[in-house]
C-alpha atoms as a PDB file:
ATOM      1  CA  MET A   1      50.182   9.907 145.232  1.00  0.00           C
ATOM      2  CA  ALA A   2      50.936   8.139 148.469  1.00  0.00           C
ATOM      3  CA  PRO A   3      50.454  10.430 151.764  1.00  0.00           C
ATOM      4  CA  HIS A   4      53.999   9.525 152.536  1.00  0.00           C
ATOM      5  CA  THR A   5      55.367  10.981 149.237  1.00  0.00           C
ATOM      6  CA  THR A   6      57.984  13.796 149.888  1.00  0.00           C
ATOM      7  CA  ALA A   7      57.631  16.927 148.013  1.00  0.00           C
ATOM      8  CA  GLU A   8      60.727  16.132 146.155  1.00  0.00           C
ATOM      9  CA  ASP A   9      59.543  12.606 145.136  1.00  0.00           C
ATOM     10  CA  GLN A  10      56.195  14.269 143.579  1.00  0.00           C
ATOM     11  CA  VAL A  11      57.844  16.860 141.762  1.00  0.00           C
ATOM     12  CA  ILE A  12      60.553  14.359 140.347  1.00  0.00           C
ATOM     13  CA  GLU A  13      57.342  12.325 139.510  1.00  0.00           C
ATOM     14  CA  MET A  14      55.497  15.094 137.849  1.00  0.00           C
ATOM     15  CA  MET A  15      58.687  15.851 135.854  1.00  0.00           C
ATOM     16  CA  LEU A  16      59.047  12.155 134.849  1.00  0.00           C
ATOM     17  CA  HIS A  17      55.531  12.628 133.147  1.00  0.00           C
ATOM     18  CA  LEU A  18      55.653  16.328 131.553  1.00  0.00           C
ATOM     19  CA  GLY A  19      59.557  16.143 130.936  1.00  0.00           C
ATOM     20  CA  PRO A  20      61.223  19.736 131.085  1.00  0.00           C
ATOM     21  CA  CYS A  21      58.805  22.632 131.645  1.00  0.00           C
ATOM     22  CA  ASP A  22      58.526  26.100 133.139  1.00  0.00           C
ATOM     23  CA  SER A  23      58.530  26.417 136.829  1.00  0.00           C
ATOM     24  CA  GLU A  24      55.364  27.965 137.100  1.00  0.00           C
ATOM     25  CA  ASP A  25      53.842  24.727 135.537  1.00  0.00           C
ATOM     26  CA  VAL A  26      55.529  22.516 138.289  1.00  0.00           C
ATOM     27  CA  VAL A  27      53.640  24.438 141.012  1.00  0.00           C
ATOM     28  CA  CYS A  28      50.430  24.480 138.786  1.00  0.00           C
ATOM     29  CA  GLN A  29      50.874  20.600 138.446  1.00  0.00           C
ATOM     30  CA  CYS A  30      51.711  20.043 142.086  1.00  0.00           C
ATOM     31  CA  THR A  31      48.249  21.069 143.152  1.00  0.00           C
ATOM     32  CA  ASN A  32      48.267  19.650 146.608  1.00  0.00           C
ATOM     33  CA  LEU A  33      51.782  21.713 147.633  1.00  0.00           C
ATOM     34  CA  THR A  34      51.936  25.304 148.218  1.00  0.00           C
ATOM     35  CA  TRP A  35      54.058  27.389 146.409  1.00  0.00           C
ATOM     36  CA  ASN A  36      56.835  27.491 148.845  1.00  0.00           C
ATOM     37  CA  ARG A  37      56.771  23.726 149.142  1.00  0.00           C
ATOM     38  CA  VAL A  38      57.319  23.338 145.383  1.00  0.00           C
ATOM     39  CA  PHE A  39      60.167  26.300 145.473  1.00  0.00           C
ATOM     40  CA  LEU A  40      62.184  24.550 148.173  1.00  0.00           C
ATOM     41  CA  ALA A  41      61.508  20.914 146.724  1.00  0.00           C
ATOM     42  CA  VAL A  42      62.965  22.207 143.334  1.00  0.00           C
ATOM     43  CA  ASP A  43      66.163  24.109 145.078  1.00  0.00           C
ATOM     44  CA  ARG A  44      66.616  21.025 147.294  1.00  0.00           C
ATOM     45  CA  LEU A  45      66.688  19.053 143.826  1.00  0.00           C
ATOM     46  CA  SER A  46      68.764  21.330 141.865  1.00  0.00           C
ATOM     47  CA  ARG A  47      71.234  21.827 144.411  1.00  0.00           C
ATOM     48  CA  SER A  48      71.474  17.750 144.433  1.00  0.00           C
ATOM     49  CA  GLY A  49      71.761  17.630 140.877  1.00  0.00           C
ATOM     50  CA  GLU A  50      68.602  15.706 140.417  1.00  0.00           C
ATOM     51  CA  LEU A  51      67.085  18.603 138.417  1.00  0.00           C
ATOM     52  CA  GLY A  52      68.364  21.462 136.193  1.00  0.00           C
ATOM     53  CA  LEU A  53      67.197  25.012 136.311  1.00  0.00           C
ATOM     54  CA  VAL A  54      67.654  26.998 133.075  1.00  0.00           C
ATOM     55  CA  PRO A  55      67.200  30.969 133.338  1.00  0.00           C
ATOM     56  CA  ARG A  56      64.873  32.215 130.685  1.00  0.00           C
ATOM     57  CA  ASP A  57      63.381  35.544 131.269  1.00  0.00           C
ATOM     58  CA  ARG A  58      63.651  37.732 134.616  1.00  0.00           C
ATOM     59  CA  GLY A  59      62.428  35.134 137.363  1.00  0.00           C
ATOM     60  CA  MET A  60      61.490  32.491 134.754  1.00  0.00           C
ATOM     61  CA  TYR A  61      63.076  29.267 134.773  1.00  0.00           C
ATOM     62  CA  THR A  62      62.700  25.721 132.554  1.00  0.00           C
ATOM     63  CA  VAL A  63      63.065  22.800 135.388  1.00  0.00           C
ATOM     64  CA  THR A  64      64.831  20.039 133.090  1.00  0.00           C
ATOM     65  CA  PHE A  65      66.338  16.655 134.141  1.00  0.00           C
ATOM     66  CA  PRO A  66      70.323  16.808 133.843  1.00  0.00           C
ATOM     67  CA  HIS A  67      71.303  14.484 131.061  1.00  0.00           C
ATOM     68  CA  ARG A  68      74.007  11.840 131.697  1.00  0.00           C
ATOM     69  CA  GLN A  69      76.127  10.873 128.674  1.00  0.00           C
ATOM     70  CA  ASP A  70      73.748   8.011 127.340  1.00  0.00           C
ATOM     71  CA  GLY A  71      71.082  10.693 127.323  1.00  0.00           C
ATOM     72  CA  ARG A  72      68.649   9.590 130.318  1.00  0.00           C
ATOM     73  CA  PRO A  73      68.217  11.462 133.301  1.00  0.00           C
ATOM     74  CA  ASP A  74      70.422  10.975 136.190  1.00  0.00           C
ATOM     75  CA  ARG A  75      67.954   9.314 138.921  1.00  0.00           C
ATOM     76  CA  ARG A  76      69.938   9.448 142.028  1.00  0.00           C
ATOM     77  CA  SER A  77      68.170   8.333 145.187  1.00  0.00           C
ATOM     78  CA  LEU A  78      66.227  10.775 147.062  1.00  0.00           C
ATOM     79  CA  SER A  79      66.988  11.420 150.669  1.00  0.00           C
ATOM     80  CA  SER A  80      64.064  12.252 152.866  1.00  0.00           C
END
């Protein structure tokens, strides 16, 4: 990934490749980011509606793309 890519962009790109996955998988796939950076990026993306968080077990979440009516992910522009 390009050095100027934001943590949010990296999470979105990873999710486009993997699809819905556990929050821990997001952390493991974003190897150049700390757990804190991934958490903050996912938090921002979920608050902005770019990603969805589905609770599973105690403290565990599945990270997903919220779906529009046509079934494709809602890909609004990310602000840096």
